[in-house]
C-alpha atoms as a PDB file:
ATOM      1  CA  MET A   1     206.532 -74.298 180.219  1.00  0.00           C
ATOM      2  CA  ARG A   2     209.306 -76.852 179.797  1.00  0.00           C
ATOM      3  CA  THR A   3     209.647 -79.779 182.201  1.00  0.00           C
ATOM      4  CA  ILE A   4     212.932 -81.512 182.966  1.00  0.00           C
ATOM      5  CA  ARG A   5     213.031 -85.212 183.816  1.00  0.00           C
ATOM      6  CA  VAL A   6     214.886 -85.944 187.050  1.00  0.00           C
ATOM      7  CA  GLU A   7     217.036 -89.094 187.036  1.00  0.00           C
ATOM      8  CA  THR A   8     216.697 -90.677 190.483  1.00  0.00           C
ATOM      9  CA  SER A   9     218.469 -94.044 190.078  1.00  0.00           C
ATOM     10  CA  ALA A  10     221.623 -92.863 191.920  1.00  0.00           C
ATOM     11  CA  ALA A  11     219.711 -91.026 194.664  1.00  0.00           C
ATOM     12  CA  THR A  12     218.311 -91.985 198.038  1.00  0.00           C
ATOM     13  CA  ILE A  13     214.934 -90.345 198.651  1.00  0.00           C
ATOM     14  CA  LEU A  14     213.460 -90.368 202.174  1.00  0.00           C
ATOM     15  CA  LEU A  15     209.910 -89.348 203.098  1.00  0.00           C
ATOM     16  CA  THR A  16     209.969 -86.425 205.555  1.00  0.00           C
ATOM     17  CA  GLU A  17     206.351 -85.186 205.371  1.00  0.00           C
ATOM     18  CA  ALA A  18     203.265 -87.360 204.971  1.00  0.00           C
ATOM     19  CA  PRO A  19     201.011 -86.778 201.948  1.00  0.00           C
ATOM     20  CA  GLU A  20     198.471 -83.995 202.403  1.00  0.00           C
ATOM     21  CA  PRO A  21     196.062 -82.321 200.005  1.00  0.00           C
ATOM     22  CA  LYS A  22     197.596 -79.520 197.940  1.00  0.00           C
ATOM     23  CA  VAL A  23     195.656 -76.333 198.598  1.00  0.00           C
ATOM     24  CA  ARG A  24     195.028 -74.209 195.510  1.00  0.00           C
ATOM     25  CA  ASP A  25     193.419 -71.258 197.312  1.00  0.00           C
ATOM     26  CA  ARG A  26     194.303 -70.726 200.978  1.00  0.00           C
ATOM     27  CA  GLN A  27     191.372 -68.342 201.505  1.00  0.00           C
ATOM     28  CA  THR A  28     188.704 -70.802 200.340  1.00  0.00           C
ATOM     29  CA  GLY A  29     190.544 -74.044 201.134  1.00  0.00           C
ATOM     30  CA  GLU A  30     190.033 -75.234 197.538  1.00  0.00           C
ATOM     31  CA  ILE A  31     192.098 -78.350 196.778  1.00  0.00           C
ATOM     32  CA  ALA A  32     194.295 -78.274 193.650  1.00  0.00           C
ATOM     33  CA  LYS A  33     193.272 -80.609 190.822  1.00  0.00           C
ATOM     34  CA  ASP A  34     195.214 -82.025 187.895  1.00  0.00           C
ATOM     35  CA  ALA A  35     194.438 -79.917 184.820  1.00  0.00           C
ATOM     36  CA  ILE A  36     193.981 -82.968 182.580  1.00  0.00           C
ATOM     37  CA  SER A  37     192.462 -85.702 184.772  1.00  0.00           C
ATOM     38  CA  GLY A  38     190.727 -83.553 187.386  1.00  0.00           C
ATOM     39  CA  GLU A  39     192.212 -85.775 190.097  1.00  0.00           C
ATOM     40  CA  ALA A  40     193.013 -84.162 193.467  1.00  0.00           C
ATOM     41  CA  LEU A  41     196.701 -83.386 194.037  1.00  0.00           C
ATOM     42  CA  MET A  42     198.745 -84.157 197.138  1.00  0.00           C
ATOM     43  CA  THR A  43     202.067 -82.798 198.383  1.00  0.00           C
ATOM     44  CA  ILE A  44     204.798 -84.710 200.160  1.00  0.00           C
ATOM     45  CA  GLY A  45     208.110 -83.668 201.637  1.00  0.00           C
ATOM     46  CA  VAL A  46     211.257 -85.643 200.866  1.00  0.00           C
ATOM     47  CA  VAL A  47     214.972 -85.350 201.408  1.00  0.00           C
ATOM     48  CA  TYR A  48     216.809 -86.052 198.147  1.00  0.00           C
ATOM     49  CA  ILE A  49     220.333 -87.383 198.739  1.00  0.00           C
ATOM     50  CA  GLU A  50     222.846 -87.826 195.921  1.00  0.00           C
ATOM     51  CA  ASP A  51     226.654 -87.620 195.727  1.00  0.00           C
ATOM     52  CA  GLY A  52     226.927 -86.733 199.431  1.00  0.00           C
ATOM     53  CA  GLU A  53     224.593 -83.725 199.152  1.00  0.00           C
ATOM     54  CA  SER A  54     220.997 -83.435 200.300  1.00  0.00           C
ATOM     55  CA  SER A  55     218.038 -81.154 199.616  1.00  0.00           C
ATOM     56  CA  LEU A  56     214.605 -80.883 201.200  1.00  0.00           C
ATOM     57  CA  VAL A  57     212.021 -80.891 198.420  1.00  0.00           C
ATOM     58  CA  LYS A  58     208.219 -80.669 198.183  1.00  0.00           C
ATOM     59  CA  VAL A  59     206.763 -82.908 195.474  1.00  0.00           C
ATOM     60  CA  THR A  60     203.234 -82.868 194.023  1.00  0.00           C
ATOM     61  CA  VAL A  61     201.656 -86.275 193.333  1.00  0.00           C
ATOM     62  CA  PRO A  62     198.150 -87.204 192.115  1.00  0.00           C
ATOM     63  CA  GLU A  63     196.042 -88.642 194.932  1.00  0.00           C
ATOM     64  CA  GLY A  64     195.742 -92.003 193.143  1.00  0.00           C
ATOM     65  CA  GLY A  65     199.549 -92.227 192.947  1.00  0.00           C
ATOM     66  CA  VAL A  66     200.030 -92.232 196.723  1.00  0.00           C
ATOM     67  CA  ALA A  67     200.825 -95.831 197.678  1.00  0.00           C
ATOM     68  CA  GLU A  68     199.778 -97.558 200.890  1.00  0.00           C
ATOM     69  CA  GLY A  69     202.432 -98.316 203.485  1.00  0.00           C
ATOM     70  CA  LEU A  70     204.425 -95.062 203.352  1.00  0.00           C
ATOM     71  CA  THR A  71     206.437 -94.443 206.533  1.00  0.00           C
ATOM     72  CA  LEU A  72     208.094 -91.199 207.597  1.00  0.00           C
ATOM     73  CA  GLY A  73     211.880 -91.513 207.383  1.00  0.00           C
ATOM     74  CA  ALA A  74     211.684 -94.503 205.056  1.00  0.00           C
ATOM     75  CA  PRO A  75     212.982 -94.560 201.480  1.00  0.00           C
ATOM     76  CA  VAL A  76     210.506 -93.894 198.679  1.00  0.00           C
ATOM     77  CA  SER A  77     210.507 -94.023 194.903  1.00  0.00           C
ATOM     78  CA  LEU A  78     209.183 -91.147 192.769  1.00  0.00           C
ATOM     79  CA  PRO A  79     208.502 -92.563 189.286  1.00  0.00           C
ATOM     80  CA  GLY A  80     208.145 -89.961 186.582  1.00  0.00           C
ATOM     81  CA  LEU A  81     209.750 -87.175 188.669  1.00  0.00           C
ATOM     82  CA  VAL A  82     210.036 -83.915 186.725  1.00  0.00           C
ATOM     83  CA  ALA A  83     211.164 -80.396 187.609  1.00  0.00           C
ATOM     84  CA  ARG A  84     209.471 -77.335 186.176  1.00  0.00           C
ATOM     85  CA  PRO A  85     210.916 -73.830 186.585  1.00  0.00           C
ATOM     86  CA  TRP A  86     208.319 -71.167 187.402  1.00  0.00           C
ATOM     87  CA  ASP A  87     208.128 -67.437 187.972  1.00  0.00           C
ATOM     88  CA  SER A  88     205.367 -65.031 188.943  1.00  0.00           C
ATOM     89  CA  VAL A  89     204.676 -61.614 190.371  1.00  0.00           C
ATOM     90  CA  PHE A  90     202.919 -61.578 193.760  1.00  0.00           C
ATOM     91  CA  ASN A  91     202.126 -58.279 195.501  1.00  0.00           C
ATOM     92  CA  GLY A  92     204.533 -56.524 193.167  1.00  0.00           C
ATOM     93  CA  GLN A  93     207.385 -58.907 194.017  1.00  0.00           C
ATOM     94  CA  GLN A  94     209.020 -61.089 191.366  1.00  0.00           C
ATOM     95  CA  ARG A  95     209.212 -64.705 192.597  1.00  0.00           C
ATOM     96  CA  HIS A  96     210.687 -67.801 191.015  1.00  0.00           C
ATOM     97  CA  GLY A  97     211.546 -71.388 191.832  1.00  0.00           C
ATOM     98  CA  ILE A  98     211.325 -74.991 190.761  1.00  0.00           C
ATOM     99  CA  ALA A  99     208.207 -77.124 191.163  1.00  0.00           C
ATOM    100  CA  PHE A 100     208.597 -80.911 191.393  1.00  0.00           C
ATOM    101  CA  ARG A 101     205.952 -83.410 190.322  1.00  0.00           C
ATOM    102  CA  ALA A 102     205.908 -87.214 190.213  1.00  0.00           C
ATOM    103  CA  ALA A 103     203.440 -89.734 188.831  1.00  0.00           C
ATOM    104  CA  ALA A 104     203.453 -91.596 192.158  1.00  0.00           C
ATOM    105  CA  VAL A 105     205.156 -92.083 195.509  1.00  0.00           C
ATOM    106  CA  THR A 106     205.812 -95.686 196.542  1.00  0.00           C
ATOM    107  CA  PRO A 107     207.821 -97.419 199.279  1.00  0.00           C
ATOM    108  CA  ALA A 108     211.382 -98.296 198.253  1.00  0.00           C
ATOM    109  CA  ALA A 109     214.395-100.044 199.780  1.00  0.00           C
ATOM    110  CA  PHE A 110     217.597 -98.505 201.059  1.00  0.00           C
ATOM    111  CA  PRO A 111     220.353 -98.934 198.468  1.00  0.00           C
ATOM    112  CA  ALA A 112     222.922-101.616 199.204  1.00  0.00           C
ATOM    113  CA  ALA A 113     226.032-100.253 200.915  1.00  0.00           C
ATOM    114  CA  MET A 114     228.820 -99.497 198.470  1.00  0.00           C
ATOM    115  CA  GLY A 115     231.548-102.125 198.612  1.00  0.00           C
ATOM    116  CA  ALA A 116     229.428-104.546 200.636  1.00  0.00           C
ATOM    117  CA  THR A 117     229.852-108.233 199.925  1.00  0.00           C
ATOM    118  CA  ALA A 118     227.079-110.787 199.737  1.00  0.00           C
END
């Protein structure tokens, strides 16, 4: 399925949920793995703020891409962020959405205030 690169340079992204293992099967507790590398996957929650609008988003990141020093409420960077539309049928119900995935999550700085002088 097609992936769409997400341009984040004009956005502020704040960490709202600490990284936790992505569960593939809730009944067995099996952790999701990357299909190519086999590396365990993690999920994080962020608020994505751009042009005065915000969205709460869950993002999947490989375990090795989770940087040290992440703090809830602090700005983060999501290099390689992509969106992938999905759809499925579950218990006879058609479901659809957008899945987000990044190569890493790293601490970032708040953007400089617009119009501020040095």
